[in-house]
Amino acid sequence: MKKTFLFKLLATKKLIFEDGKISLGITDYNLLPTIFISSLTEYFHSRNDMNKLYLISWFWGFECVKYANKTLGLDSQEEIYSVGMDLAASMGMGVYDTNNYYPGRYTKFKIKENPYLKDLKLEKFEKPVDIFTAGAMAGGGSLVHKEVCQNIELKCKALGASDCEFITATRKEFEKRDMWKEVDERYSVTQFIEFQKEVFNSYNRENSGEFVEKLSDLLREL
């Protein structure tokens, strides 16, 4: 856990635990047990709908980072990236270790202690399983790189790797690496990328209900 990050937020009263709420500036948060995410993963996997889980978590990650940035008054890509990773670790999403970070292009990182694996029935999976993490990092990473991003898990501890390894990148970067087809095949990105662009360009607190409705309609269509 990023103790110094949390202590700084608590000391400045930007993060508040009181009256049945956890508030970071203008946004309230809830603590979710990791088994809930694991159960969602197994549910969507059983229905061959992992793309839906990816899109839901992309939206969630985008909103979390967007309003953390606003609360903390962040502007530079480096600050947004650093706080985004600290926020993820502080929310219990694992211990992050950055391999490479190039603003506007991509971020490559590992999760050393992935909390979502222990409650999964891993024998069910033949492909990387951390779809929730991939979506959340892509959503938050879109604000880091200032362009709609996707994320793909390159190595998965559930499949025998020593750590879970991911890359968040723009479409241009994935195409440069000849990986865009793989990304699209894993999540069917072309079916919802226009929605992601609309969220990136226009989402705010005032129209959040409208976007949630659009998301619900889109999930039914996928």
Protein backbone atom coordinates (compact mmCIF):
# COMPACT_ATOMS: atom_id res chain seq x y z
CA MET A 1 0.00 0.00 0.00
CA LYS A 2 1.21 3.49 -0.84
CA LYS A 3 1.23 4.76 2.76
CA THR A 4 2.84 8.12 2.06
CA PHE A 5 0.28 8.81 -0.67
CA LEU A 6 -2.63 7.95 1.62
CA PHE A 7 -1.19 9.86 4.57
CA LYS A 8 -0.72 12.94 2.41
CA LEU A 9 -4.33 12.79 1.27
CA LEU A 10 -5.56 12.28 4.84
CA ALA A 11 -3.34 15.06 6.23
CA THR A 12 -4.61 17.56 3.67
CA LYS A 13 -8.20 16.35 4.25
CA LYS A 14 -8.63 15.59 0.57
CA LEU A 15 -9.40 12.00 1.57
CA ILE A 16 -12.03 11.76 4.29
CA PHE A 17 -13.47 8.76 6.11
CA GLU A 18 -16.60 9.85 8.01
CA ASP A 19 -20.38 9.63 8.23
CA GLY A 20 -20.57 6.39 6.27
CA LYS A 21 -18.61 7.83 3.34
CA ILE A 22 -15.16 7.66 1.83
CA SER A 23 -14.63 10.89 -0.08
CA LEU A 24 -11.77 12.02 -2.30
CA GLY A 25 -12.66 15.60 -3.07
CA ILE A 26 -15.89 15.74 -5.04
CA THR A 27 -16.14 11.97 -5.49
CA ASP A 28 -17.29 9.31 -3.04
CA TYR A 29 -15.78 5.82 -3.07
CA ASN A 30 -16.71 2.39 -1.69
CA LEU A 31 -14.56 -0.52 -0.62
CA LEU A 32 -15.33 -3.66 -2.62
CA PRO A 33 -14.12 -7.13 -1.63
CA THR A 34 -11.79 -8.63 -4.22
CA ILE A 35 -13.95 -11.74 -4.38
CA PHE A 36 -16.65 -9.56 -5.95
CA ILE A 37 -14.35 -8.69 -8.86
CA SER A 38 -13.32 -12.33 -9.12
CA SER A 39 -16.97 -13.38 -9.24
CA LEU A 40 -17.68 -10.81 -11.95
CA THR A 41 -14.72 -12.14 -13.93
CA GLU A 42 -15.99 -15.70 -13.72
CA TYR A 43 -19.53 -14.63 -14.59
CA PHE A 44 -18.58 -12.71 -17.72
CA HIS A 45 -16.13 -15.45 -18.72
CA SER A 46 -18.87 -18.10 -18.44
CA ARG A 47 -21.01 -16.06 -20.84
CA ASN A 48 -18.14 -15.30 -23.24
CA ASP A 49 -18.71 -11.62 -22.47
CA MET A 50 -15.32 -10.52 -21.18
CA ASN A 51 -15.46 -7.53 -23.53
CA LYS A 52 -18.36 -6.21 -21.45
CA LEU A 53 -16.37 -6.46 -18.23
CA TYR A 54 -13.48 -4.68 -19.96
CA LEU A 55 -15.71 -1.81 -21.08
CA ILE A 56 -17.34 -1.44 -17.65
CA SER A 57 -13.96 -1.31 -15.92
CA TRP A 58 -12.59 1.08 -18.59
CA PHE A 59 -15.41 3.51 -17.75
CA TRP A 60 -14.80 3.04 -14.02
CA GLY A 61 -11.05 3.61 -14.34
CA PHE A 62 -11.58 6.73 -16.45
CA GLU A 63 -13.92 8.28 -13.90
CA CYS A 64 -11.74 7.41 -10.90
CA VAL A 65 -8.66 9.06 -12.37
CA LYS A 66 -10.55 11.98 -13.90
CA TYR A 67 -11.93 13.19 -10.57
CA ALA A 68 -8.83 12.33 -8.57
CA ASN A 69 -6.95 14.61 -10.98
CA LYS A 70 -9.51 17.35 -10.53
CA THR A 71 -9.44 17.08 -6.75
CA LEU A 72 -5.65 17.14 -6.58
CA GLY A 73 -5.25 19.82 -9.24
CA LEU A 74 -3.03 17.70 -11.46
CA ASP A 75 -2.01 18.83 -14.91
CA SER A 76 1.21 17.21 -16.13
CA GLN A 77 1.12 13.71 -17.59
CA GLU A 78 3.82 12.58 -15.17
CA GLU A 79 1.79 13.69 -12.14
CA ILE A 80 -1.37 12.08 -13.46
CA TYR A 81 0.46 8.82 -14.12
CA SER A 82 2.12 8.75 -10.71
CA VAL A 83 -1.08 9.50 -8.82
CA GLY A 84 -3.08 7.07 -10.97
CA MET A 85 -0.74 4.21 -10.09
CA ASP A 86 -0.65 5.24 -6.42
CA LEU A 87 -4.43 5.41 -6.37
CA ALA A 88 -4.74 1.93 -7.88
CA ALA A 89 -2.32 0.47 -5.33
CA SER A 90 -4.01 2.30 -2.46
CA MET A 91 -7.38 0.92 -3.56
CA GLY A 92 -6.01 -2.60 -3.20
CA MET A 93 -5.44 -3.40 -6.89
CA GLY A 94 -1.96 -4.79 -6.31
CA VAL A 95 1.69 -3.67 -6.13
CA TYR A 96 2.65 -1.89 -9.35
CA ASP A 97 6.11 -1.81 -10.89
CA THR A 98 6.58 0.35 -13.98
CA ASN A 99 8.86 -1.00 -16.71
CA ASN A 100 8.51 1.74 -19.32
CA TYR A 101 6.53 4.97 -19.47
CA TYR A 102 6.36 7.20 -22.55
CA PRO A 103 3.72 9.97 -22.28
CA GLY A 104 1.36 10.02 -25.22
CA ARG A 105 2.38 6.53 -26.33
CA TYR A 106 2.34 3.73 -23.79
CA THR A 107 2.96 2.45 -20.28
CA LYS A 108 4.28 -1.03 -19.57
CA PHE A 109 4.03 -2.31 -16.01
CA LYS A 110 3.82 -5.38 -13.78
CA ILE A 111 1.62 -6.24 -10.84
CA LYS A 112 3.66 -8.18 -8.32
CA GLU A 113 0.84 -9.08 -5.96
CA ASN A 114 -2.40 -9.47 -7.84
CA PRO A 115 -5.26 -9.62 -5.31
CA TYR A 116 -7.89 -10.90 -7.75
CA LEU A 117 -6.30 -14.27 -8.46
CA LYS A 118 -6.72 -16.06 -5.15
CA ASP A 119 -10.52 -16.28 -5.45
CA LEU A 120 -10.61 -17.34 -9.12
CA LYS A 121 -11.02 -20.91 -10.27
CA LEU A 122 -7.96 -20.61 -12.48
CA GLU A 123 -8.42 -23.95 -14.23
CA LYS A 124 -11.29 -22.36 -16.17
CA PHE A 125 -9.04 -19.92 -17.99
CA GLU A 126 -6.86 -20.46 -21.05
CA LYS A 127 -6.16 -16.77 -21.68
CA PRO A 128 -5.02 -13.92 -19.39
CA VAL A 129 -7.74 -13.37 -16.81
CA ASP A 130 -7.18 -9.84 -15.48
CA ILE A 131 -9.76 -8.15 -17.67
CA PHE A 132 -11.02 -5.86 -14.90
CA THR A 133 -7.51 -4.54 -14.24
CA ALA A 134 -6.81 -4.15 -17.96
CA GLY A 135 -9.97 -2.12 -18.49
CA ALA A 136 -9.40 0.10 -15.46
CA MET A 137 -5.80 0.82 -16.44
CA ALA A 138 -6.86 1.63 -20.00
CA GLY A 139 -9.54 4.04 -18.81
CA GLY A 140 -7.26 5.82 -16.36
CA GLY A 141 -4.38 5.62 -18.82
CA SER A 142 -6.42 7.53 -21.38
CA LEU A 143 -6.11 10.58 -19.13
CA VAL A 144 -2.39 9.94 -18.63
CA HIS A 145 -1.68 9.75 -22.36
CA LYS A 146 -4.34 12.33 -23.31
CA GLU A 147 -5.91 9.99 -25.87
CA VAL A 148 -8.23 7.00 -25.74
CA CYS A 149 -6.11 4.00 -24.74
CA GLN A 150 -6.57 0.27 -24.49
CA ASN A 151 -4.73 -2.24 -22.33
CA ILE A 152 -3.75 -5.85 -22.87
CA GLU A 153 -2.27 -8.31 -20.41
CA LEU A 154 0.95 -9.66 -21.88
CA LYS A 155 1.75 -12.21 -19.16
CA CYS A 156 -0.57 -13.64 -16.54
CA LYS A 157 0.39 -15.21 -13.24
CA ALA A 158 -2.72 -17.35 -13.46
CA LEU A 159 -1.20 -19.00 -16.53
CA GLY A 160 2.22 -19.60 -15.00
CA ALA A 161 4.05 -16.26 -15.36
CA SER A 162 6.00 -14.92 -12.39
CA ASP A 163 4.01 -11.65 -12.45
CA CYS A 164 1.08 -10.14 -14.30
CA GLU A 165 2.42 -7.84 -17.02
CA PHE A 166 0.38 -5.24 -18.92
CA ILE A 167 0.74 -2.55 -21.55
CA THR A 168 -1.55 0.49 -21.80
CA ALA A 169 -1.20 2.21 -25.15
CA THR A 170 -2.80 4.36 -27.80
CA ARG A 171 -4.13 2.71 -30.93
CA LYS A 172 -1.23 4.17 -32.91
CA GLU A 173 1.26 2.53 -30.55
CA PHE A 174 -0.49 -0.84 -30.71
CA GLU A 175 -0.56 -0.64 -34.50
CA LYS A 176 3.14 0.22 -34.52
CA ARG A 177 3.76 -2.96 -32.51
CA ASP A 178 1.45 -5.02 -34.76
CA MET A 179 -0.75 -5.68 -31.72
CA TRP A 180 -3.96 -3.83 -32.57
CA LYS A 181 -5.56 -6.92 -34.13
CA GLU A 182 -4.85 -8.87 -30.95
CA VAL A 183 -6.37 -6.10 -28.81
CA ASP A 184 -9.46 -5.92 -31.00
CA GLU A 185 -9.90 -9.69 -31.05
CA ARG A 186 -9.64 -9.91 -27.27
CA TYR A 187 -12.18 -7.17 -26.51
CA SER A 188 -14.03 -6.40 -29.79
CA VAL A 189 -12.87 -2.81 -29.34
CA THR A 190 -14.24 -1.64 -32.69
CA GLN A 191 -17.75 -2.17 -31.30
CA PHE A 192 -17.34 0.42 -28.57
CA ILE A 193 -14.36 2.64 -29.37
CA GLU A 194 -16.60 5.48 -30.53
CA PHE A 195 -18.31 5.41 -27.13
CA GLN A 196 -14.90 5.57 -25.45
CA LYS A 197 -13.99 8.60 -27.56
CA GLU A 198 -17.24 10.30 -26.59
CA VAL A 199 -16.56 9.63 -22.90
CA PHE A 200 -13.01 10.93 -23.24
CA ASN A 201 -14.14 14.15 -24.96
CA SER A 202 -17.40 14.95 -23.20
CA TYR A 203 -17.96 13.08 -19.93
CA ASN A 204 -18.55 15.17 -16.79
CA ARG A 205 -20.58 15.01 -13.59
CA GLU A 206 -23.49 16.88 -15.12
CA ASN A 207 -24.04 14.36 -17.93
CA SER A 208 -22.92 11.21 -16.08
CA GLY A 209 -26.46 9.80 -16.02
CA GLU A 210 -26.71 10.16 -19.78
CA PHE A 211 -23.43 8.29 -20.27
CA VAL A 212 -24.42 5.50 -17.90
CA GLU A 213 -27.60 5.06 -19.94
CA LYS A 214 -25.54 4.94 -23.15
CA LEU A 215 -23.24 2.39 -21.56
CA SER A 216 -26.20 0.23 -20.53
CA ASP A 217 -27.64 0.34 -24.04
CA LEU A 218 -24.28 -0.52 -25.56
CA LEU A 219 -23.75 -3.48 -23.22
CA ARG A 220 -27.08 -4.92 -24.33
CA GLU A 221 -25.99 -4.63 -27.96
CA LEU A 222 -22.58 -6.28 -27.55
